[in-house]
Amino acid sequence: MSPLLHEEQTYKIIGACMNVHKALGKGFLESVYEEALEKELVKAEIPYKKQQRLRISYNGELLDKYFIADFLCFDNIIVEIKATEFIHKNMEAQVINYLKATNSEVGLLINFGEASLKWKRFVNTTT
């Protein structure tokens, strides 16, 4: 079995998210989880950029349009957070599109809105 791409880094990020969910539980707005997660990322010494603009590439050329990811960790892992009752397919599509359009390798979709933390890991297979 081959190792997961950026396994150690994604493990650390998910651990930070678990700490936030353990402390806050479900029911808060996404902005509350975002602020709390930022504190956990600092505590865990995870390098990150918040509300990071991700430029979109089309046929090898950068467009003026961009996505805004909640966090970009380790300069290569897109982290998109939600606070909803369940993960919708359109949320998954959002992360997949972020990966494709930016040629990033790994994305995490984190949902704080359920009784236990839910997360999905996506890998861009076109890079």
N, C-alpha and C. Protein backbone atom coordinates (compact mmCIF):
# COMPACT_ATOMS: atom_id res chain seq x y z
N MET A 1 0.84 -1.17 0.00
CA MET A 1 0.00 0.00 0.00
C MET A 1 0.89 1.24 0.00
N SER A 2 0.61 2.17 -0.90
CA SER A 2 1.42 3.38 -0.97
C SER A 2 0.96 4.38 0.08
N PRO A 3 1.89 5.22 0.56
CA PRO A 3 1.52 6.21 1.59
C PRO A 3 0.61 7.29 1.00
N LEU A 4 -0.18 7.89 1.85
CA LEU A 4 -1.05 8.99 1.43
C LEU A 4 -0.21 10.23 1.17
N LEU A 5 -0.60 11.00 0.19
CA LEU A 5 0.08 12.24 -0.14
C LEU A 5 -0.11 13.24 1.01
N HIS A 6 0.96 13.78 1.51
CA HIS A 6 0.95 14.75 2.62
C HIS A 6 0.23 14.19 3.86
N GLU A 7 0.45 12.92 4.13
CA GLU A 7 -0.24 12.23 5.22
C GLU A 7 0.00 12.88 6.58
N GLU A 8 1.24 13.14 6.91
CA GLU A 8 1.56 13.71 8.22
C GLU A 8 0.93 15.09 8.40
N GLN A 9 0.99 15.90 7.36
CA GLN A 9 0.44 17.25 7.43
C GLN A 9 -1.09 17.23 7.58
N THR A 10 -1.76 16.39 6.78
CA THR A 10 -3.23 16.33 6.88
C THR A 10 -3.65 15.76 8.23
N TYR A 11 -2.88 14.84 8.76
CA TYR A 11 -3.17 14.28 10.08
C TYR A 11 -3.14 15.39 11.14
N LYS A 12 -2.13 16.26 11.06
CA LYS A 12 -2.01 17.36 12.03
C LYS A 12 -3.18 18.34 11.89
N ILE A 13 -3.57 18.65 10.67
CA ILE A 13 -4.68 19.58 10.44
C ILE A 13 -5.98 18.99 10.99
N ILE A 14 -6.24 17.73 10.69
CA ILE A 14 -7.47 17.08 11.17
C ILE A 14 -7.47 17.01 12.69
N GLY A 15 -6.31 16.75 13.28
CA GLY A 15 -6.20 16.75 14.74
C GLY A 15 -6.57 18.09 15.34
N ALA A 16 -6.12 19.18 14.72
CA ALA A 16 -6.46 20.52 15.18
C ALA A 16 -7.97 20.74 15.08
N CYS A 17 -8.57 20.27 14.00
CA CYS A 17 -10.02 20.39 13.81
C CYS A 17 -10.77 19.59 14.87
N MET A 18 -10.27 18.42 15.19
CA MET A 18 -10.90 17.60 16.24
C MET A 18 -10.86 18.32 17.59
N ASN A 19 -9.76 18.98 17.88
CA ASN A 19 -9.66 19.74 19.13
C ASN A 19 -10.72 20.85 19.19
N VAL A 20 -10.92 21.53 18.08
CA VAL A 20 -11.93 22.59 18.02
C VAL A 20 -13.32 22.00 18.24
N HIS A 21 -13.62 20.92 17.53
CA HIS A 21 -14.95 20.32 17.65
C HIS A 21 -15.19 19.76 19.05
N LYS A 22 -14.16 19.20 19.64
CA LYS A 22 -14.28 18.67 21.00
C LYS A 22 -14.62 19.78 21.99
N ALA A 23 -14.01 20.94 21.80
CA ALA A 23 -14.24 22.06 22.71
C ALA A 23 -15.57 22.77 22.46
N LEU A 24 -15.94 22.93 21.19
CA LEU A 24 -17.13 23.72 20.87
C LEU A 24 -18.38 22.90 20.55
N GLY A 25 -18.18 21.68 20.04
CA GLY A 25 -19.33 20.90 19.60
C GLY A 25 -19.94 21.50 18.36
N LYS A 26 -21.17 21.13 18.06
CA LYS A 26 -21.84 21.65 16.87
C LYS A 26 -22.72 22.83 17.26
N GLY A 27 -23.18 23.57 16.25
CA GLY A 27 -24.17 24.61 16.50
C GLY A 27 -23.70 26.04 16.33
N PHE A 28 -22.41 26.26 16.14
CA PHE A 28 -21.91 27.62 15.95
C PHE A 28 -21.85 27.96 14.46
N LEU A 29 -21.69 29.24 14.17
CA LEU A 29 -21.49 29.69 12.80
C LEU A 29 -20.11 29.29 12.32
N GLU A 30 -19.96 29.20 11.02
CA GLU A 30 -18.67 28.83 10.43
C GLU A 30 -17.56 29.78 10.87
N SER A 31 -17.89 31.06 11.01
CA SER A 31 -16.87 32.05 11.40
C SER A 31 -16.29 31.77 12.79
N VAL A 32 -17.09 31.21 13.69
CA VAL A 32 -16.61 30.85 15.02
C VAL A 32 -15.59 29.72 14.92
N TYR A 33 -15.93 28.70 14.14
CA TYR A 33 -15.01 27.58 13.96
C TYR A 33 -13.73 28.03 13.26
N GLU A 34 -13.86 28.95 12.32
CA GLU A 34 -12.69 29.46 11.61
C GLU A 34 -11.73 30.15 12.58
N GLU A 35 -12.27 30.98 13.45
CA GLU A 35 -11.42 31.68 14.41
C GLU A 35 -10.78 30.71 15.41
N ALA A 36 -11.57 29.74 15.88
CA ALA A 36 -11.03 28.75 16.82
C ALA A 36 -9.98 27.88 16.14
N LEU A 37 -10.22 27.50 14.90
CA LEU A 37 -9.25 26.66 14.18
C LEU A 37 -7.94 27.43 13.97
N GLU A 38 -8.03 28.69 13.70
CA GLU A 38 -6.81 29.48 13.54
C GLU A 38 -5.96 29.40 14.81
N LYS A 39 -6.60 29.49 15.97
CA LYS A 39 -5.87 29.38 17.24
C LYS A 39 -5.22 28.00 17.39
N GLU A 40 -5.94 26.95 16.97
CA GLU A 40 -5.39 25.59 17.04
C GLU A 40 -4.22 25.39 16.07
N LEU A 41 -4.32 26.00 14.89
CA LEU A 41 -3.23 25.88 13.93
C LEU A 41 -1.96 26.53 14.47
N VAL A 42 -2.12 27.67 15.11
CA VAL A 42 -0.97 28.35 15.73
C VAL A 42 -0.39 27.47 16.83
N LYS A 43 -1.26 26.95 17.68
CA LYS A 43 -0.84 26.09 18.80
C LYS A 43 -0.09 24.85 18.30
N ALA A 44 -0.55 24.28 17.19
CA ALA A 44 0.07 23.07 16.64
C ALA A 44 1.25 23.38 15.73
N GLU A 45 1.57 24.67 15.61
CA GLU A 45 2.67 25.11 14.75
C GLU A 45 2.50 24.65 13.30
N ILE A 46 1.27 24.77 12.83
CA ILE A 46 0.96 24.44 11.44
C ILE A 46 0.99 25.74 10.64
N PRO A 47 1.89 25.84 9.67
CA PRO A 47 1.92 27.06 8.86
C PRO A 47 0.65 27.18 8.02
N TYR A 48 0.07 28.38 8.00
CA TYR A 48 -1.19 28.57 7.28
C TYR A 48 -1.33 30.00 6.79
N LYS A 49 -2.21 30.16 5.83
CA LYS A 49 -2.67 31.47 5.37
C LYS A 49 -4.19 31.41 5.42
N LYS A 50 -4.80 32.42 6.02
CA LYS A 50 -6.25 32.47 6.18
C LYS A 50 -6.87 33.27 5.04
N GLN A 51 -8.06 32.83 4.60
CA GLN A 51 -8.77 33.50 3.51
C GLN A 51 -7.84 33.74 2.33
N GLN A 52 -7.18 32.67 1.95
CA GLN A 52 -6.17 32.73 0.90
C GLN A 52 -6.80 32.78 -0.49
N ARG A 53 -6.39 33.77 -1.27
CA ARG A 53 -6.84 33.85 -2.66
C ARG A 53 -6.07 32.82 -3.48
N LEU A 54 -6.81 32.01 -4.21
CA LEU A 54 -6.20 30.99 -5.05
C LEU A 54 -6.47 31.35 -6.51
N ARG A 55 -5.41 31.63 -7.21
CA ARG A 55 -5.56 32.02 -8.63
C ARG A 55 -5.95 30.81 -9.46
N ILE A 56 -6.76 31.04 -10.44
CA ILE A 56 -7.29 29.99 -11.31
C ILE A 56 -6.50 30.00 -12.62
N SER A 57 -6.11 28.82 -13.02
CA SER A 57 -5.37 28.66 -14.25
C SER A 57 -6.29 28.08 -15.33
N TYR A 58 -6.20 28.65 -16.53
CA TYR A 58 -6.97 28.14 -17.67
C TYR A 58 -6.00 27.99 -18.83
N ASN A 59 -5.83 26.75 -19.30
CA ASN A 59 -4.89 26.46 -20.40
C ASN A 59 -3.50 27.05 -20.13
N GLY A 60 -3.06 26.93 -18.89
CA GLY A 60 -1.72 27.39 -18.52
C GLY A 60 -1.62 28.88 -18.27
N GLU A 61 -2.72 29.59 -18.36
CA GLU A 61 -2.69 31.05 -18.16
C GLU A 61 -3.54 31.40 -16.93
N LEU A 62 -3.03 32.30 -16.08
CA LEU A 62 -3.77 32.71 -14.90
C LEU A 62 -4.89 33.67 -15.27
N LEU A 63 -6.06 33.42 -14.70
CA LEU A 63 -7.21 34.29 -14.90
C LEU A 63 -7.24 35.37 -13.83
N ASP A 64 -8.02 36.42 -14.07
CA ASP A 64 -8.20 37.46 -13.06
C ASP A 64 -9.06 36.95 -11.91
N LYS A 65 -9.94 36.01 -12.17
CA LYS A 65 -10.83 35.44 -11.14
C LYS A 65 -10.02 34.55 -10.20
N TYR A 66 -10.55 34.38 -9.01
CA TYR A 66 -9.86 33.56 -8.02
C TYR A 66 -10.88 32.97 -7.05
N PHE A 67 -10.46 31.92 -6.36
CA PHE A 67 -11.22 31.34 -5.27
C PHE A 67 -10.64 31.87 -3.97
N ILE A 68 -11.43 31.85 -2.90
CA ILE A 68 -10.90 32.18 -1.59
C ILE A 68 -11.08 30.95 -0.70
N ALA A 69 -9.96 30.33 -0.36
CA ALA A 69 -9.99 29.16 0.51
C ALA A 69 -9.98 29.63 1.96
N ASP A 70 -10.67 28.91 2.83
CA ASP A 70 -10.66 29.27 4.25
C ASP A 70 -9.24 29.27 4.79
N PHE A 71 -8.50 28.20 4.49
CA PHE A 71 -7.10 28.12 4.91
C PHE A 71 -6.29 27.43 3.83
N LEU A 72 -5.06 27.83 3.70
CA LEU A 72 -4.07 27.11 2.91
C LEU A 72 -2.97 26.76 3.90
N CYS A 73 -2.82 25.49 4.19
CA CYS A 73 -1.85 25.02 5.18
C CYS A 73 -0.65 24.39 4.49
N PHE A 74 0.51 24.59 5.08
CA PHE A 74 1.76 24.04 4.55
C PHE A 74 2.00 24.45 3.09
N ASP A 75 1.39 25.53 2.66
CA ASP A 75 1.49 26.06 1.29
C ASP A 75 0.97 25.12 0.21
N ASN A 76 0.35 23.99 0.59
CA ASN A 76 -0.12 23.08 -0.46
C ASN A 76 -1.37 22.29 -0.12
N ILE A 77 -1.98 22.55 1.03
CA ILE A 77 -3.19 21.82 1.41
C ILE A 77 -4.32 22.83 1.61
N ILE A 78 -5.32 22.72 0.76
CA ILE A 78 -6.49 23.60 0.85
C ILE A 78 -7.42 23.05 1.92
N VAL A 79 -7.84 23.91 2.85
CA VAL A 79 -8.76 23.50 3.92
C VAL A 79 -10.01 24.36 3.82
N GLU A 80 -11.12 23.71 3.53
CA GLU A 80 -12.41 24.39 3.42
C GLU A 80 -13.27 23.91 4.57
N ILE A 81 -13.77 24.84 5.38
CA ILE A 81 -14.57 24.44 6.54
C ILE A 81 -16.03 24.81 6.34
N LYS A 82 -16.88 24.01 6.94
CA LYS A 82 -18.33 24.20 6.89
C LYS A 82 -18.91 23.97 8.27
N ALA A 83 -20.14 24.44 8.47
CA ALA A 83 -20.86 24.22 9.73
C ALA A 83 -22.31 23.93 9.37
N THR A 84 -22.53 22.78 8.74
CA THR A 84 -23.86 22.41 8.27
C THR A 84 -24.26 21.04 8.83
N GLU A 85 -25.53 20.69 8.62
CA GLU A 85 -26.04 19.42 9.15
C GLU A 85 -25.37 18.21 8.52
N PHE A 86 -24.96 18.33 7.27
CA PHE A 86 -24.24 17.24 6.61
C PHE A 86 -23.48 17.81 5.42
N ILE A 87 -22.53 17.04 4.92
CA ILE A 87 -21.73 17.45 3.77
C ILE A 87 -22.53 17.20 2.50
N HIS A 88 -22.78 18.27 1.75
CA HIS A 88 -23.50 18.17 0.48
C HIS A 88 -22.52 17.89 -0.65
N LYS A 89 -23.03 17.31 -1.72
CA LYS A 89 -22.19 17.03 -2.89
C LYS A 89 -21.60 18.31 -3.49
N ASN A 90 -22.36 19.42 -3.42
CA ASN A 90 -21.84 20.67 -3.98
C ASN A 90 -20.64 21.19 -3.18
N MET A 91 -20.56 20.86 -1.90
CA MET A 91 -19.40 21.24 -1.08
C MET A 91 -18.18 20.43 -1.51
N GLU A 92 -18.40 19.16 -1.79
CA GLU A 92 -17.32 18.31 -2.29
C GLU A 92 -16.83 18.84 -3.63
N ALA A 93 -17.78 19.20 -4.50
CA ALA A 93 -17.43 19.73 -5.81
C ALA A 93 -16.63 21.02 -5.68
N GLN A 94 -16.96 21.84 -4.70
CA GLN A 94 -16.23 23.08 -4.47
C GLN A 94 -14.75 22.80 -4.21
N VAL A 95 -14.46 21.86 -3.34
CA VAL A 95 -13.07 21.53 -3.02
C VAL A 95 -12.37 20.92 -4.23
N ILE A 96 -13.05 20.04 -4.93
CA ILE A 96 -12.47 19.42 -6.13
C ILE A 96 -12.15 20.50 -7.17
N ASN A 97 -13.06 21.44 -7.35
CA ASN A 97 -12.81 22.53 -8.31
C ASN A 97 -11.64 23.39 -7.87
N TYR A 98 -11.53 23.68 -6.58
CA TYR A 98 -10.38 24.43 -6.06
C TYR A 98 -9.08 23.72 -6.43
N LEU A 99 -9.06 22.41 -6.24
CA LEU A 99 -7.85 21.63 -6.53
C LEU A 99 -7.50 21.68 -8.01
N LYS A 100 -8.49 21.43 -8.86
CA LYS A 100 -8.26 21.41 -10.30
C LYS A 100 -7.82 22.77 -10.82
N ALA A 101 -8.54 23.81 -10.41
CA ALA A 101 -8.29 25.14 -10.96
C ALA A 101 -6.96 25.74 -10.50
N THR A 102 -6.48 25.28 -9.36
CA THR A 102 -5.24 25.84 -8.82
C THR A 102 -4.06 24.89 -8.94
N ASN A 103 -4.30 23.69 -9.45
CA ASN A 103 -3.28 22.64 -9.54
C ASN A 103 -2.70 22.27 -8.18
N SER A 104 -3.50 22.46 -7.12
CA SER A 104 -3.08 22.02 -5.79
C SER A 104 -3.24 20.52 -5.69
N GLU A 105 -2.53 19.91 -4.75
CA GLU A 105 -2.52 18.45 -4.66
C GLU A 105 -3.58 17.87 -3.72
N VAL A 106 -3.77 18.50 -2.54
CA VAL A 106 -4.64 17.91 -1.52
C VAL A 106 -5.60 18.97 -0.98
N GLY A 107 -6.84 18.54 -0.76
CA GLY A 107 -7.83 19.42 -0.14
C GLY A 107 -8.56 18.68 0.96
N LEU A 108 -8.91 19.41 2.01
CA LEU A 108 -9.69 18.85 3.11
C LEU A 108 -10.98 19.64 3.23
N LEU A 109 -12.09 18.92 3.29
CA LEU A 109 -13.39 19.50 3.56
C LEU A 109 -13.77 19.08 4.97
N ILE A 110 -13.90 20.06 5.85
CA ILE A 110 -14.15 19.81 7.27
C ILE A 110 -15.53 20.34 7.62
N ASN A 111 -16.36 19.51 8.26
CA ASN A 111 -17.69 19.96 8.69
C ASN A 111 -17.80 19.89 10.20
N PHE A 112 -17.95 21.05 10.81
CA PHE A 112 -18.11 21.16 12.26
C PHE A 112 -19.56 21.08 12.69
N GLY A 113 -20.50 21.03 11.75
CA GLY A 113 -21.92 21.14 12.08
C GLY A 113 -22.62 19.86 12.46
N GLU A 114 -21.91 18.76 12.55
CA GLU A 114 -22.52 17.49 12.91
C GLU A 114 -22.13 17.11 14.34
N ALA A 115 -22.80 16.10 14.89
CA ALA A 115 -22.55 15.69 16.27
C ALA A 115 -21.09 15.30 16.48
N SER A 116 -20.48 14.66 15.49
CA SER A 116 -19.04 14.40 15.54
C SER A 116 -18.42 15.02 14.28
N LEU A 117 -17.17 15.40 14.38
CA LEU A 117 -16.50 16.05 13.26
C LEU A 117 -16.50 15.13 12.04
N LYS A 118 -16.86 15.69 10.91
CA LYS A 118 -16.81 14.94 9.65
C LYS A 118 -15.82 15.64 8.74
N TRP A 119 -15.03 14.84 8.05
CA TRP A 119 -14.08 15.39 7.11
C TRP A 119 -13.90 14.47 5.92
N LYS A 120 -13.52 15.08 4.80
CA LYS A 120 -13.22 14.32 3.59
C LYS A 120 -11.92 14.87 3.03
N ARG A 121 -11.13 13.96 2.52
CA ARG A 121 -9.82 14.29 1.95
C ARG A 121 -9.89 14.06 0.45
N PHE A 122 -9.43 15.04 -0.31
CA PHE A 122 -9.46 14.95 -1.77
C PHE A 122 -8.04 15.11 -2.31
N VAL A 123 -7.75 14.34 -3.36
CA VAL A 123 -6.44 14.42 -4.00
C VAL A 123 -6.66 14.75 -5.47
N ASN A 124 -5.92 15.71 -5.94
CA ASN A 124 -6.00 16.10 -7.34
C ASN A 124 -5.14 15.12 -8.14
N THR A 125 -5.78 14.27 -8.90
CA THR A 125 -5.06 13.24 -9.64
C THR A 125 -4.56 13.75 -10.99
N THR A 126 -4.88 15.00 -11.31
CA THR A 126 -4.44 15.55 -12.60
C THR A 126 -3.11 16.27 -12.50
N THR A 127 -2.57 16.43 -11.28
CA THR A 127 -1.29 17.16 -11.14
C THR A 127 -0.13 16.23 -11.36
